[in-house]
Amino acid sequence: AETPIATVGGRSITITASLGVAASIRGDTSAMLLKRCDQALYGAKHEGRNRVMPGLQLEAAAAERAAKAFAASI
């Protein structure tokens, strides 16, 4: 949800956040964990922003789209 953080000149300023989260799996390197978090973040943004997307719950198609978006951004 949008959260008003201040009022400037009679107008509310709001913020939103999209988050990608992932749990560490035994044997993961920090790079692997970060990659899953990044994929989840891009998945959250792709699905409409302003949401939290768990990395392990990304469906295969969404994970692929997120990975392509991430690869294109670096």
N, C-alpha and C. Protein backbone atom coordinates (compact mmCIF):
# COMPACT_ATOMS: atom_id res chain seq x y z
N ALA A 1 0.84 -1.18 0.00
CA ALA A 1 0.00 0.00 0.00
C ALA A 1 0.88 1.23 0.00
N GLU A 2 0.36 2.28 -0.59
CA GLU A 2 1.08 3.54 -0.56
C GLU A 2 0.97 4.14 0.83
N THR A 3 2.08 4.63 1.33
CA THR A 3 2.13 5.18 2.67
C THR A 3 2.50 6.65 2.60
N PRO A 4 1.58 7.55 3.03
CA PRO A 4 1.96 8.96 3.06
C PRO A 4 3.09 9.18 4.07
N ILE A 5 4.15 9.87 3.63
CA ILE A 5 5.26 10.11 4.54
C ILE A 5 5.40 11.58 4.92
N ALA A 6 4.81 12.45 4.12
CA ALA A 6 4.92 13.88 4.40
C ALA A 6 3.89 14.63 3.56
N THR A 7 3.65 15.87 3.94
CA THR A 7 2.82 16.76 3.16
C THR A 7 3.65 17.99 2.82
N VAL A 8 3.74 18.29 1.53
CA VAL A 8 4.50 19.44 1.07
C VAL A 8 3.59 20.29 0.20
N GLY A 9 3.40 21.53 0.60
CA GLY A 9 2.55 22.42 -0.18
C GLY A 9 1.13 21.89 -0.32
N GLY A 10 0.64 21.21 0.70
CA GLY A 10 -0.71 20.67 0.66
C GLY A 10 -0.85 19.36 -0.09
N ARG A 11 0.25 18.83 -0.63
CA ARG A 11 0.21 17.55 -1.36
C ARG A 11 0.92 16.47 -0.56
N SER A 12 0.28 15.32 -0.46
CA SER A 12 0.89 14.18 0.24
C SER A 12 1.96 13.55 -0.63
N ILE A 13 3.06 13.23 -0.01
CA ILE A 13 4.12 12.48 -0.67
C ILE A 13 4.01 11.05 -0.16
N THR A 14 3.91 10.10 -1.08
CA THR A 14 3.77 8.70 -0.70
C THR A 14 4.94 7.88 -1.24
N ILE A 15 5.16 6.74 -0.61
CA ILE A 15 6.19 5.82 -1.08
C ILE A 15 5.57 4.44 -1.26
N THR A 16 6.16 3.67 -2.13
CA THR A 16 5.80 2.26 -2.29
C THR A 16 7.10 1.47 -2.30
N ALA A 17 7.00 0.17 -2.13
CA ALA A 17 8.20 -0.67 -2.14
C ALA A 17 7.90 -2.01 -2.79
N SER A 18 8.84 -2.48 -3.58
CA SER A 18 8.81 -3.83 -4.12
C SER A 18 10.01 -4.55 -3.54
N LEU A 19 9.78 -5.74 -3.00
CA LEU A 19 10.85 -6.50 -2.36
C LEU A 19 10.94 -7.90 -2.94
N GLY A 20 12.15 -8.37 -3.10
CA GLY A 20 12.39 -9.76 -3.45
C GLY A 20 13.10 -10.42 -2.28
N VAL A 21 12.57 -11.51 -1.80
CA VAL A 21 13.18 -12.21 -0.66
C VAL A 21 13.43 -13.67 -1.02
N ALA A 22 14.47 -14.22 -0.43
CA ALA A 22 14.78 -15.63 -0.66
C ALA A 22 15.47 -16.19 0.57
N ALA A 23 15.24 -17.45 0.83
CA ALA A 23 15.90 -18.14 1.94
C ALA A 23 17.17 -18.80 1.41
N SER A 24 18.16 -18.85 2.26
CA SER A 24 19.40 -19.53 1.90
C SER A 24 19.17 -21.04 1.95
N ILE A 25 19.65 -21.71 0.93
CA ILE A 25 19.55 -23.16 0.85
C ILE A 25 20.95 -23.73 1.08
N ARG A 26 21.03 -24.83 1.80
CA ARG A 26 22.34 -25.44 2.10
C ARG A 26 23.15 -25.57 0.81
N GLY A 27 24.37 -25.09 0.87
CA GLY A 27 25.26 -25.17 -0.28
C GLY A 27 25.26 -23.92 -1.14
N ASP A 28 24.34 -22.99 -0.86
CA ASP A 28 24.29 -21.74 -1.62
C ASP A 28 25.53 -20.90 -1.37
N THR A 29 25.97 -20.23 -2.40
CA THR A 29 26.95 -19.16 -2.21
C THR A 29 26.17 -17.87 -2.02
N SER A 30 26.85 -16.84 -1.57
CA SER A 30 26.17 -15.55 -1.43
C SER A 30 25.68 -15.05 -2.78
N ALA A 31 26.42 -15.34 -3.84
CA ALA A 31 26.01 -14.92 -5.19
C ALA A 31 24.72 -15.62 -5.61
N MET A 32 24.58 -16.90 -5.28
CA MET A 32 23.36 -17.63 -5.63
C MET A 32 22.16 -17.06 -4.90
N LEU A 33 22.33 -16.77 -3.62
CA LEU A 33 21.24 -16.20 -2.83
C LEU A 33 20.86 -14.83 -3.35
N LEU A 34 21.85 -14.00 -3.63
CA LEU A 34 21.58 -12.67 -4.16
C LEU A 34 20.87 -12.74 -5.50
N LYS A 35 21.25 -13.70 -6.34
CA LYS A 35 20.61 -13.85 -7.65
C LYS A 35 19.13 -14.18 -7.48
N ARG A 36 18.80 -15.10 -6.56
CA ARG A 36 17.39 -15.43 -6.32
C ARG A 36 16.62 -14.23 -5.79
N CYS A 37 17.24 -13.46 -4.90
CA CYS A 37 16.59 -12.24 -4.39
C CYS A 37 16.34 -11.26 -5.52
N ASP A 38 17.34 -11.07 -6.37
CA ASP A 38 17.18 -10.15 -7.50
C ASP A 38 16.08 -10.62 -8.44
N GLN A 39 16.05 -11.92 -8.72
CA GLN A 39 15.00 -12.46 -9.59
C GLN A 39 13.63 -12.23 -8.97
N ALA A 40 13.52 -12.42 -7.67
CA ALA A 40 12.24 -12.20 -6.99
C ALA A 40 11.86 -10.72 -7.04
N LEU A 41 12.84 -9.84 -6.88
CA LEU A 41 12.57 -8.40 -6.96
C LEU A 41 12.03 -8.02 -8.33
N TYR A 42 12.69 -8.48 -9.39
CA TYR A 42 12.20 -8.17 -10.73
C TYR A 42 10.85 -8.82 -10.99
N GLY A 43 10.61 -9.99 -10.41
CA GLY A 43 9.29 -10.61 -10.51
C GLY A 43 8.23 -9.76 -9.84
N ALA A 44 8.54 -9.20 -8.67
CA ALA A 44 7.59 -8.33 -7.97
C ALA A 44 7.28 -7.10 -8.80
N LYS A 45 8.30 -6.50 -9.38
CA LYS A 45 8.08 -5.31 -10.21
C LYS A 45 7.27 -5.67 -11.46
N HIS A 46 7.56 -6.81 -12.05
CA HIS A 46 6.84 -7.23 -13.25
C HIS A 46 5.36 -7.50 -12.96
N GLU A 47 5.09 -8.02 -11.78
CA GLU A 47 3.71 -8.36 -11.42
C GLU A 47 2.92 -7.16 -10.92
N GLY A 48 3.47 -5.98 -11.00
CA GLY A 48 2.69 -4.80 -10.67
C GLY A 48 3.31 -3.90 -9.63
N ARG A 49 4.51 -4.18 -9.23
CA ARG A 49 5.21 -3.35 -8.25
C ARG A 49 4.48 -3.32 -6.92
N ASN A 50 5.10 -2.65 -5.96
CA ASN A 50 4.52 -2.46 -4.63
C ASN A 50 4.06 -3.77 -4.00
N ARG A 51 4.94 -4.75 -4.00
CA ARG A 51 4.62 -6.06 -3.42
C ARG A 51 5.88 -6.77 -2.98
N VAL A 52 5.70 -7.83 -2.23
CA VAL A 52 6.81 -8.70 -1.82
C VAL A 52 6.67 -10.00 -2.59
N MET A 53 7.76 -10.46 -3.20
CA MET A 53 7.74 -11.70 -3.97
C MET A 53 8.77 -12.65 -3.38
N PRO A 54 8.30 -13.75 -2.78
CA PRO A 54 9.25 -14.75 -2.27
C PRO A 54 9.95 -15.46 -3.42
N GLY A 55 11.26 -15.57 -3.35
CA GLY A 55 12.04 -16.18 -4.42
C GLY A 55 11.67 -17.61 -4.73
N LEU A 56 11.38 -18.41 -3.72
CA LEU A 56 11.09 -19.82 -3.96
C LEU A 56 9.68 -20.05 -4.46
N GLN A 57 8.82 -19.03 -4.45
CA GLN A 57 7.45 -19.21 -4.90
C GLN A 57 7.20 -18.64 -6.29
N LEU A 58 8.25 -18.20 -6.95
CA LEU A 58 8.09 -17.71 -8.31
C LEU A 58 7.72 -18.88 -9.22
N GLU A 59 6.71 -18.70 -10.01
CA GLU A 59 6.40 -19.74 -10.99
C GLU A 59 7.48 -19.73 -12.06
N ALA A 60 7.63 -20.81 -12.79
CA ALA A 60 8.72 -20.94 -13.75
C ALA A 60 8.74 -19.82 -14.77
N ALA A 61 7.60 -19.47 -15.33
CA ALA A 61 7.56 -18.42 -16.35
C ALA A 61 7.95 -17.07 -15.77
N ALA A 62 7.45 -16.77 -14.59
CA ALA A 62 7.78 -15.50 -13.94
C ALA A 62 9.26 -15.45 -13.59
N ALA A 63 9.82 -16.57 -13.16
CA ALA A 63 11.24 -16.62 -12.83
C ALA A 63 12.08 -16.37 -14.07
N GLU A 64 11.67 -16.93 -15.20
CA GLU A 64 12.41 -16.73 -16.43
C GLU A 64 12.36 -15.27 -16.87
N ARG A 65 11.17 -14.65 -16.80
CA ARG A 65 11.04 -13.23 -17.15
C ARG A 65 11.88 -12.38 -16.23
N ALA A 66 11.86 -12.69 -14.95
CA ALA A 66 12.64 -11.91 -13.98
C ALA A 66 14.13 -12.05 -14.26
N ALA A 67 14.58 -13.26 -14.58
CA ALA A 67 15.99 -13.48 -14.86
C ALA A 67 16.43 -12.71 -16.09
N LYS A 68 15.59 -12.69 -17.13
CA LYS A 68 15.92 -11.94 -18.35
C LYS A 68 15.98 -10.45 -18.07
N ALA A 69 15.04 -9.95 -17.28
CA ALA A 69 15.04 -8.53 -16.93
C ALA A 69 16.28 -8.18 -16.13
N PHE A 70 16.66 -9.06 -15.21
CA PHE A 70 17.86 -8.83 -14.40
C PHE A 70 19.10 -8.84 -15.28
N ALA A 71 19.21 -9.83 -16.16
CA ALA A 71 20.38 -9.94 -17.03
C ALA A 71 20.50 -8.71 -17.93
N ALA A 72 19.38 -8.19 -18.39
CA ALA A 72 19.40 -7.02 -19.25
C ALA A 72 19.81 -5.76 -18.50
N SER A 73 19.63 -5.77 -17.18
CA SER A 73 19.91 -4.57 -16.38
C SER A 73 21.38 -4.46 -15.97
N ILE A 74 22.15 -5.55 -16.13
CA ILE A 74 23.55 -5.49 -15.68
C ILE A 74 24.50 -5.38 -16.84
